[in-house]
């Protein structure tokens, strides 16, 4: 799995001109699922993001996690993160998980945040979406399993 985590002061995702999810301070997580990924990968990656100290303390150091700042999460599926661009100019998606597997692991990933009491919003899996955000910092992390 790959997660592109952007620290935001606000973010939203729209599907067919309807707001599907919206958050304030927290993480916008763009999530890609590879064919090799497992349930354990989804759980471990979610836990890593929950505990990721990417928010600034009083001294301006990245020492605070989601709970410490009362943060929220917006998870958006993005299979293009699984692209292989090593050859030629056209991305290959052969390493991306098939839709059924990707949906299952995406939903499990989202459930991990909700079970911890974190306000978690989502886009619509597999849909064409418009994402708007205000990246804070900017602070962006790329996490993989």
N, C-alpha and C. Protein backbone atom coordinates (compact mmCIF):
# COMPACT_ATOMS: atom_id res chain seq x y z
N UNK A 1 0.85 -1.18 0.00
CA UNK A 1 0.00 0.00 0.00
C UNK A 1 0.89 1.23 0.00
N UNK A 2 0.34 2.26 -0.54
CA UNK A 2 1.01 3.54 -0.52
C UNK A 2 0.00 4.61 -0.12
N UNK A 3 0.43 5.46 0.80
CA UNK A 3 -0.42 6.55 1.24
C UNK A 3 0.35 7.85 1.12
N UNK A 4 -0.22 8.79 0.42
CA UNK A 4 0.32 10.14 0.35
C UNK A 4 -0.49 10.95 1.35
N UNK A 5 0.16 11.36 2.45
CA UNK A 5 -0.52 12.04 3.55
C UNK A 5 -0.16 13.52 3.51
N UNK A 6 -1.15 14.34 3.35
CA UNK A 6 -0.95 15.78 3.32
C UNK A 6 -1.62 16.39 4.54
N UNK A 7 -0.82 17.13 5.32
CA UNK A 7 -1.38 17.82 6.47
C UNK A 7 -2.20 19.00 5.95
N UNK A 8 -3.44 19.07 6.39
CA UNK A 8 -4.35 20.10 5.87
C UNK A 8 -5.02 20.86 7.01
N UNK A 9 -5.39 22.09 6.70
CA UNK A 9 -6.25 22.84 7.62
C UNK A 9 -7.71 22.60 7.24
N UNK A 10 -7.92 22.18 5.98
CA UNK A 10 -9.24 21.77 5.50
C UNK A 10 -9.07 21.03 4.18
N UNK A 11 -9.99 20.11 3.93
CA UNK A 11 -9.98 19.37 2.67
C UNK A 11 -11.38 18.83 2.42
N UNK A 12 -11.70 18.68 1.15
CA UNK A 12 -12.99 18.11 0.78
C UNK A 12 -12.86 17.34 -0.52
N UNK A 13 -13.80 16.44 -0.73
CA UNK A 13 -13.85 15.67 -1.97
C UNK A 13 -15.28 15.72 -2.49
N UNK A 14 -15.38 15.97 -3.79
CA UNK A 14 -16.68 16.10 -4.44
C UNK A 14 -16.81 15.04 -5.51
N UNK A 15 -17.99 14.42 -5.57
CA UNK A 15 -18.32 13.43 -6.59
C UNK A 15 -19.59 13.90 -7.30
N UNK A 16 -19.52 14.10 -8.58
CA UNK A 16 -20.65 14.58 -9.38
C UNK A 16 -21.31 15.82 -8.74
N UNK A 17 -20.48 16.78 -8.39
CA UNK A 17 -20.91 18.06 -7.82
C UNK A 17 -21.57 17.96 -6.43
N UNK A 18 -21.38 16.81 -5.77
CA UNK A 18 -21.91 16.62 -4.42
C UNK A 18 -20.73 16.36 -3.49
N UNK A 19 -20.68 17.09 -2.38
CA UNK A 19 -19.60 16.91 -1.41
C UNK A 19 -19.77 15.54 -0.73
N UNK A 20 -18.78 14.67 -0.93
CA UNK A 20 -18.82 13.33 -0.35
C UNK A 20 -18.17 13.31 1.03
N UNK A 21 -17.19 14.17 1.25
CA UNK A 21 -16.49 14.21 2.53
C UNK A 21 -15.78 15.52 2.71
N UNK A 22 -15.70 15.97 3.97
CA UNK A 22 -15.07 17.25 4.26
C UNK A 22 -14.50 17.20 5.67
N UNK A 23 -13.26 17.70 5.84
CA UNK A 23 -12.64 17.75 7.15
C UNK A 23 -11.99 19.11 7.39
N UNK A 24 -11.68 19.34 8.66
CA UNK A 24 -10.87 20.50 9.04
C UNK A 24 -9.44 20.03 9.21
N UNK A 25 -8.79 20.43 10.29
CA UNK A 25 -7.41 20.07 10.55
C UNK A 25 -7.22 18.56 10.59
N UNK A 26 -6.24 18.07 9.86
CA UNK A 26 -5.96 16.63 9.87
C UNK A 26 -5.14 16.20 8.68
N UNK A 27 -5.36 14.95 8.28
CA UNK A 27 -4.65 14.36 7.15
C UNK A 27 -5.59 14.12 5.98
N UNK A 28 -5.20 14.56 4.81
CA UNK A 28 -5.80 14.09 3.57
C UNK A 28 -4.93 12.92 3.14
N UNK A 29 -5.52 11.74 3.03
CA UNK A 29 -4.77 10.54 2.68
C UNK A 29 -5.23 10.05 1.31
N UNK A 30 -4.31 10.10 0.35
CA UNK A 30 -4.54 9.51 -0.96
C UNK A 30 -3.97 8.10 -0.88
N UNK A 31 -4.82 7.09 -1.11
CA UNK A 31 -4.44 5.71 -0.85
C UNK A 31 -4.43 4.86 -2.11
N UNK A 32 -3.31 4.20 -2.34
CA UNK A 32 -3.18 3.25 -3.45
C UNK A 32 -2.97 1.85 -2.90
N UNK A 33 -3.62 0.86 -3.50
CA UNK A 33 -3.53 -0.52 -3.03
C UNK A 33 -2.90 -1.37 -4.13
N UNK A 34 -1.83 -2.08 -3.76
CA UNK A 34 -1.14 -2.98 -4.68
C UNK A 34 -1.72 -4.40 -4.58
N UNK A 35 -1.53 -5.18 -5.62
CA UNK A 35 -2.04 -6.55 -5.65
C UNK A 35 -1.44 -7.40 -4.53
N UNK A 36 -0.23 -7.10 -4.11
CA UNK A 36 0.44 -7.87 -3.07
C UNK A 36 -0.03 -7.52 -1.65
N UNK A 37 -0.83 -6.50 -1.50
CA UNK A 37 -1.21 -6.00 -0.17
C UNK A 37 -2.19 -6.93 0.54
N UNK A 38 -2.10 -6.89 1.88
CA UNK A 38 -2.91 -7.76 2.73
C UNK A 38 -3.68 -6.92 3.76
N UNK A 39 -4.54 -7.60 4.52
CA UNK A 39 -5.27 -6.94 5.61
C UNK A 39 -4.28 -6.38 6.63
N UNK A 40 -3.23 -7.12 6.92
CA UNK A 40 -2.22 -6.67 7.87
C UNK A 40 -1.59 -5.36 7.39
N UNK A 41 -1.33 -5.25 6.09
CA UNK A 41 -0.75 -4.02 5.53
C UNK A 41 -1.68 -2.84 5.76
N UNK A 42 -2.97 -3.03 5.53
CA UNK A 42 -3.95 -1.95 5.70
C UNK A 42 -3.99 -1.50 7.16
N UNK A 43 -4.00 -2.44 8.07
CA UNK A 43 -4.06 -2.13 9.49
C UNK A 43 -2.79 -1.43 9.96
N UNK A 44 -1.64 -1.91 9.52
CA UNK A 44 -0.37 -1.32 9.94
C UNK A 44 -0.20 0.09 9.38
N UNK A 45 -0.60 0.30 8.14
CA UNK A 45 -0.46 1.62 7.54
C UNK A 45 -1.39 2.63 8.22
N UNK A 46 -2.60 2.20 8.52
CA UNK A 46 -3.53 3.09 9.23
C UNK A 46 -2.96 3.46 10.60
N UNK A 47 -2.43 2.47 11.30
CA UNK A 47 -1.85 2.72 12.63
C UNK A 47 -0.66 3.68 12.53
N UNK A 48 0.14 3.54 11.50
CA UNK A 48 1.28 4.43 11.28
C UNK A 48 0.80 5.88 11.12
N UNK A 49 -0.26 6.07 10.36
CA UNK A 49 -0.78 7.42 10.12
C UNK A 49 -1.42 7.98 11.40
N UNK A 50 -2.12 7.14 12.13
CA UNK A 50 -2.73 7.57 13.39
C UNK A 50 -1.65 8.10 14.35
N UNK A 51 -0.53 7.43 14.39
CA UNK A 51 0.55 7.78 15.32
C UNK A 51 1.58 8.74 14.73
N UNK A 52 1.46 9.07 13.46
CA UNK A 52 2.45 9.91 12.79
C UNK A 52 2.50 11.29 13.44
N UNK A 53 3.66 11.67 13.90
CA UNK A 53 3.82 12.97 14.55
C UNK A 53 4.16 14.01 13.48
N UNK A 54 3.12 14.48 12.84
CA UNK A 54 3.28 15.42 11.74
C UNK A 54 2.67 16.79 11.99
N UNK A 55 2.26 17.02 13.23
CA UNK A 55 1.66 18.30 13.59
C UNK A 55 2.58 19.03 14.56
N UNK A 56 2.63 20.32 14.43
CA UNK A 56 3.59 21.14 15.19
C UNK A 56 3.15 21.37 16.63
N UNK A 57 4.15 21.30 17.52
CA UNK A 57 3.93 21.67 18.92
C UNK A 57 4.17 23.17 19.08
N UNK A 58 4.15 23.63 20.32
CA UNK A 58 4.32 25.07 20.59
C UNK A 58 5.65 25.61 20.08
N UNK A 59 6.66 24.74 20.03
CA UNK A 59 8.00 25.16 19.59
C UNK A 59 8.16 25.06 18.07
N UNK A 60 7.10 24.59 17.39
CA UNK A 60 7.17 24.46 15.94
C UNK A 60 7.77 23.15 15.46
N UNK A 61 7.98 22.21 16.37
CA UNK A 61 8.53 20.91 16.01
C UNK A 61 7.41 19.92 15.69
N UNK A 62 7.65 19.02 14.75
CA UNK A 62 6.66 18.01 14.40
C UNK A 62 6.65 16.92 15.48
N UNK A 63 5.90 17.16 16.52
CA UNK A 63 5.86 16.25 17.67
C UNK A 63 4.47 15.74 18.02
N UNK A 64 3.43 16.23 17.35
CA UNK A 64 2.07 15.88 17.74
C UNK A 64 1.41 14.97 16.71
N UNK A 65 0.60 14.03 17.21
CA UNK A 65 -0.15 13.13 16.33
C UNK A 65 -1.60 13.61 16.20
N UNK A 66 -2.41 12.85 15.50
CA UNK A 66 -3.81 13.21 15.27
C UNK A 66 -4.57 13.46 16.56
N UNK A 67 -4.43 12.55 17.52
CA UNK A 67 -5.17 12.68 18.77
C UNK A 67 -4.80 13.96 19.51
N UNK A 68 -3.54 14.31 19.49
CA UNK A 68 -3.06 15.48 20.23
C UNK A 68 -3.64 16.79 19.69
N UNK A 69 -3.99 16.80 18.41
CA UNK A 69 -4.54 18.02 17.81
C UNK A 69 -6.03 17.91 17.51
N UNK A 70 -6.65 16.77 17.88
CA UNK A 70 -8.06 16.56 17.58
C UNK A 70 -8.31 16.51 16.09
N UNK A 71 -7.36 15.91 15.36
CA UNK A 71 -7.40 15.90 13.90
C UNK A 71 -8.39 14.92 13.31
N UNK A 72 -8.67 15.16 12.04
CA UNK A 72 -9.60 14.34 11.27
C UNK A 72 -8.85 13.73 10.08
N UNK A 73 -9.51 12.82 9.38
CA UNK A 73 -8.90 12.16 8.23
C UNK A 73 -9.89 12.12 7.07
N UNK A 74 -9.39 12.45 5.89
CA UNK A 74 -10.16 12.30 4.65
C UNK A 74 -9.39 11.32 3.78
N UNK A 75 -9.97 10.16 3.51
CA UNK A 75 -9.30 9.11 2.73
C UNK A 75 -9.91 9.07 1.33
N UNK A 76 -9.03 9.16 0.33
CA UNK A 76 -9.46 9.15 -1.06
C UNK A 76 -8.69 8.05 -1.79
N UNK A 77 -9.40 7.13 -2.41
CA UNK A 77 -8.73 6.06 -3.16
C UNK A 77 -8.07 6.66 -4.41
N UNK A 78 -6.84 6.20 -4.68
CA UNK A 78 -6.13 6.72 -5.84
C UNK A 78 -5.19 5.66 -6.39
N UNK A 79 -5.71 4.83 -7.29
CA UNK A 79 -4.94 3.73 -7.85
C UNK A 79 -3.73 4.21 -8.65
N UNK A 80 -3.74 5.45 -9.11
CA UNK A 80 -2.61 5.95 -9.90
C UNK A 80 -1.33 6.03 -9.08
N UNK A 81 -1.43 6.00 -7.75
CA UNK A 81 -0.22 5.95 -6.92
C UNK A 81 0.52 4.63 -7.10
N UNK A 82 -0.14 3.64 -7.64
CA UNK A 82 0.48 2.32 -7.86
C UNK A 82 1.11 2.21 -9.25
N UNK A 83 1.16 3.30 -9.98
CA UNK A 83 1.68 3.28 -11.34
C UNK A 83 3.17 2.97 -11.38
N UNK A 84 3.56 2.21 -12.38
CA UNK A 84 4.97 1.99 -12.69
C UNK A 84 5.29 2.91 -13.86
N UNK A 85 6.16 3.86 -13.62
CA UNK A 85 6.53 4.84 -14.66
C UNK A 85 8.00 4.68 -15.07
N UNK A 86 8.56 3.50 -14.79
CA UNK A 86 9.99 3.31 -15.04
C UNK A 86 10.35 3.15 -16.52
N UNK A 87 9.37 2.79 -17.34
CA UNK A 87 9.65 2.59 -18.77
C UNK A 87 8.68 3.41 -19.60
N UNK A 88 9.21 4.11 -20.56
CA UNK A 88 8.37 4.86 -21.48
C UNK A 88 7.65 6.01 -20.81
N UNK A 89 6.62 6.48 -21.49
CA UNK A 89 5.87 7.64 -21.02
C UNK A 89 4.45 7.31 -20.56
N UNK A 90 4.05 6.08 -20.79
CA UNK A 90 2.70 5.69 -20.38
C UNK A 90 2.78 4.86 -19.11
N UNK A 91 2.09 5.27 -18.04
CA UNK A 91 2.12 4.52 -16.79
C UNK A 91 1.50 3.13 -16.95
N UNK A 92 2.06 2.17 -16.24
CA UNK A 92 1.52 0.82 -16.20
C UNK A 92 0.90 0.60 -14.83
N UNK A 93 -0.26 -0.02 -14.81
CA UNK A 93 -0.96 -0.25 -13.55
C UNK A 93 -1.07 -1.74 -13.22
N UNK A 94 -0.17 -2.54 -13.76
CA UNK A 94 -0.23 -3.99 -13.56
C UNK A 94 0.00 -4.39 -12.10
N UNK A 95 0.65 -3.53 -11.32
CA UNK A 95 0.91 -3.85 -9.92
C UNK A 95 -0.24 -3.43 -9.00
N UNK A 96 -1.19 -2.68 -9.51
CA UNK A 96 -2.33 -2.24 -8.71
C UNK A 96 -3.25 -3.42 -8.43
N UNK A 97 -3.90 -3.39 -7.28
CA UNK A 97 -4.82 -4.46 -6.91
C UNK A 97 -6.06 -4.43 -7.79
N UNK A 98 -6.65 -5.60 -8.07
CA UNK A 98 -7.94 -5.63 -8.76
C UNK A 98 -8.98 -4.89 -7.90
N UNK A 99 -10.00 -4.38 -8.53
CA UNK A 99 -10.98 -3.52 -7.88
C UNK A 99 -11.58 -4.11 -6.61
N UNK A 100 -11.99 -5.38 -6.63
CA UNK A 100 -12.61 -6.00 -5.45
C UNK A 100 -11.65 -6.04 -4.26
N UNK A 101 -10.43 -6.44 -4.51
CA UNK A 101 -9.41 -6.50 -3.45
C UNK A 101 -9.10 -5.10 -2.94
N UNK A 102 -8.93 -4.16 -3.86
CA UNK A 102 -8.60 -2.78 -3.48
C UNK A 102 -9.72 -2.18 -2.64
N UNK A 103 -10.96 -2.39 -3.03
CA UNK A 103 -12.10 -1.85 -2.28
C UNK A 103 -12.13 -2.43 -0.86
N UNK A 104 -11.95 -3.74 -0.76
CA UNK A 104 -11.97 -4.39 0.55
C UNK A 104 -10.90 -3.80 1.47
N UNK A 105 -9.66 -3.66 0.97
CA UNK A 105 -8.57 -3.15 1.80
C UNK A 105 -8.73 -1.66 2.08
N UNK A 106 -9.26 -0.92 1.14
CA UNK A 106 -9.56 0.50 1.34
C UNK A 106 -10.57 0.66 2.47
N UNK A 107 -11.64 -0.13 2.44
CA UNK A 107 -12.68 -0.04 3.47
C UNK A 107 -12.15 -0.48 4.83
N UNK A 108 -11.28 -1.49 4.86
CA UNK A 108 -10.65 -1.92 6.11
C UNK A 108 -9.76 -0.81 6.66
N UNK A 109 -9.01 -0.16 5.80
CA UNK A 109 -8.14 0.95 6.17
C UNK A 109 -8.96 2.07 6.82
N UNK A 110 -10.07 2.43 6.20
CA UNK A 110 -10.95 3.48 6.73
C UNK A 110 -11.52 3.06 8.09
N UNK A 111 -11.91 1.81 8.20
CA UNK A 111 -12.49 1.29 9.44
C UNK A 111 -11.51 1.41 10.61
N UNK A 112 -10.22 1.26 10.35
CA UNK A 112 -9.20 1.37 11.40
C UNK A 112 -9.23 2.74 12.06
N UNK A 113 -9.43 3.78 11.28
CA UNK A 113 -9.50 5.14 11.84
C UNK A 113 -10.78 5.33 12.63
N UNK A 114 -11.88 4.87 12.06
CA UNK A 114 -13.18 5.04 12.72
C UNK A 114 -13.23 4.30 14.05
N UNK A 115 -12.63 3.11 14.11
CA UNK A 115 -12.61 2.34 15.35
C UNK A 115 -11.83 3.04 16.45
N UNK A 116 -10.94 3.92 16.08
CA UNK A 116 -10.16 4.70 17.06
C UNK A 116 -10.86 6.01 17.43
N UNK A 117 -12.07 6.21 16.92
CA UNK A 117 -12.85 7.39 17.26
C UNK A 117 -12.44 8.64 16.49
N UNK A 118 -11.72 8.46 15.40
CA UNK A 118 -11.26 9.59 14.60
C UNK A 118 -12.33 9.91 13.55
N UNK A 119 -12.74 11.18 13.49
CA UNK A 119 -13.70 11.57 12.45
C UNK A 119 -13.04 11.30 11.10
N UNK A 120 -13.61 10.37 10.36
CA UNK A 120 -13.03 9.92 9.09
C UNK A 120 -14.05 10.06 7.98
N UNK A 121 -13.69 10.79 6.97
CA UNK A 121 -14.53 11.00 5.79
C UNK A 121 -13.86 10.32 4.60
N UNK A 122 -14.63 10.07 3.56
CA UNK A 122 -14.08 9.42 2.37
C UNK A 122 -14.67 10.03 1.11
N UNK A 123 -13.99 9.69 0.03
CA UNK A 123 -14.55 9.96 -1.28
C UNK A 123 -15.42 8.76 -1.64
N UNK A 124 -15.59 8.52 -2.92
CA UNK A 124 -16.35 7.35 -3.39
C UNK A 124 -15.39 6.47 -4.15
N UNK A 125 -15.18 5.26 -3.66
CA UNK A 125 -14.21 4.35 -4.26
C UNK A 125 -14.49 4.17 -5.75
N UNK A 126 -13.46 4.35 -6.55
CA UNK A 126 -13.55 4.12 -7.98
C UNK A 126 -14.18 5.23 -8.80
N UNK A 127 -14.68 6.26 -8.13
CA UNK A 127 -15.36 7.35 -8.84
C UNK A 127 -14.35 8.40 -9.30
N UNK A 128 -14.77 9.20 -10.25
CA UNK A 128 -14.01 10.37 -10.64
C UNK A 128 -14.34 11.45 -9.61
N UNK A 129 -13.31 11.99 -8.96
CA UNK A 129 -13.53 12.91 -7.85
C UNK A 129 -12.74 14.19 -8.04
N UNK A 130 -13.20 15.22 -7.38
CA UNK A 130 -12.50 16.49 -7.31
C UNK A 130 -12.10 16.70 -5.86
N UNK A 131 -10.80 16.88 -5.62
CA UNK A 131 -10.30 17.04 -4.26
C UNK A 131 -9.79 18.46 -4.09
N UNK A 132 -10.23 19.11 -3.04
CA UNK A 132 -9.75 20.45 -2.72
C UNK A 132 -9.12 20.40 -1.34
N UNK A 133 -8.01 21.12 -1.17
CA UNK A 133 -7.32 21.10 0.10
C UNK A 133 -6.53 22.37 0.33
N UNK A 134 -6.28 22.62 1.58
CA UNK A 134 -5.36 23.67 1.97
C UNK A 134 -4.25 22.96 2.73
N UNK A 135 -3.14 22.69 2.02
CA UNK A 135 -2.00 21.98 2.59
C UNK A 135 -1.32 22.90 3.58
N UNK A 136 -1.15 22.43 4.79
CA UNK A 136 -0.57 23.23 5.86
C UNK A 136 0.92 22.93 5.99
N UNK A 137 1.73 23.93 5.80
CA UNK A 137 3.18 23.78 5.94
C UNK A 137 3.95 24.23 4.71
N UNK A 138 3.90 23.56 3.59
CA UNK A 138 3.24 22.27 3.38
C UNK A 138 3.99 21.12 4.05
N UNK A 139 3.22 20.18 4.55
CA UNK A 139 3.77 18.96 5.14
C UNK A 139 3.12 17.80 4.42
N UNK A 140 3.94 16.99 3.74
CA UNK A 140 3.44 15.84 2.98
C UNK A 140 4.38 14.66 3.20
N UNK A 141 3.81 13.50 3.51
CA UNK A 141 4.60 12.29 3.70
C UNK A 141 4.11 11.20 2.75
N UNK A 142 5.04 10.44 2.22
CA UNK A 142 4.71 9.27 1.42
C UNK A 142 5.06 8.05 2.26
N UNK A 143 4.04 7.25 2.60
CA UNK A 143 4.23 6.07 3.43
C UNK A 143 3.87 4.81 2.64
N UNK A 144 4.68 3.77 2.80
CA UNK A 144 4.42 2.51 2.09
C UNK A 144 4.51 1.35 3.06
N UNK A 145 3.93 0.23 2.65
CA UNK A 145 4.05 -1.01 3.44
C UNK A 145 5.00 -1.94 2.74
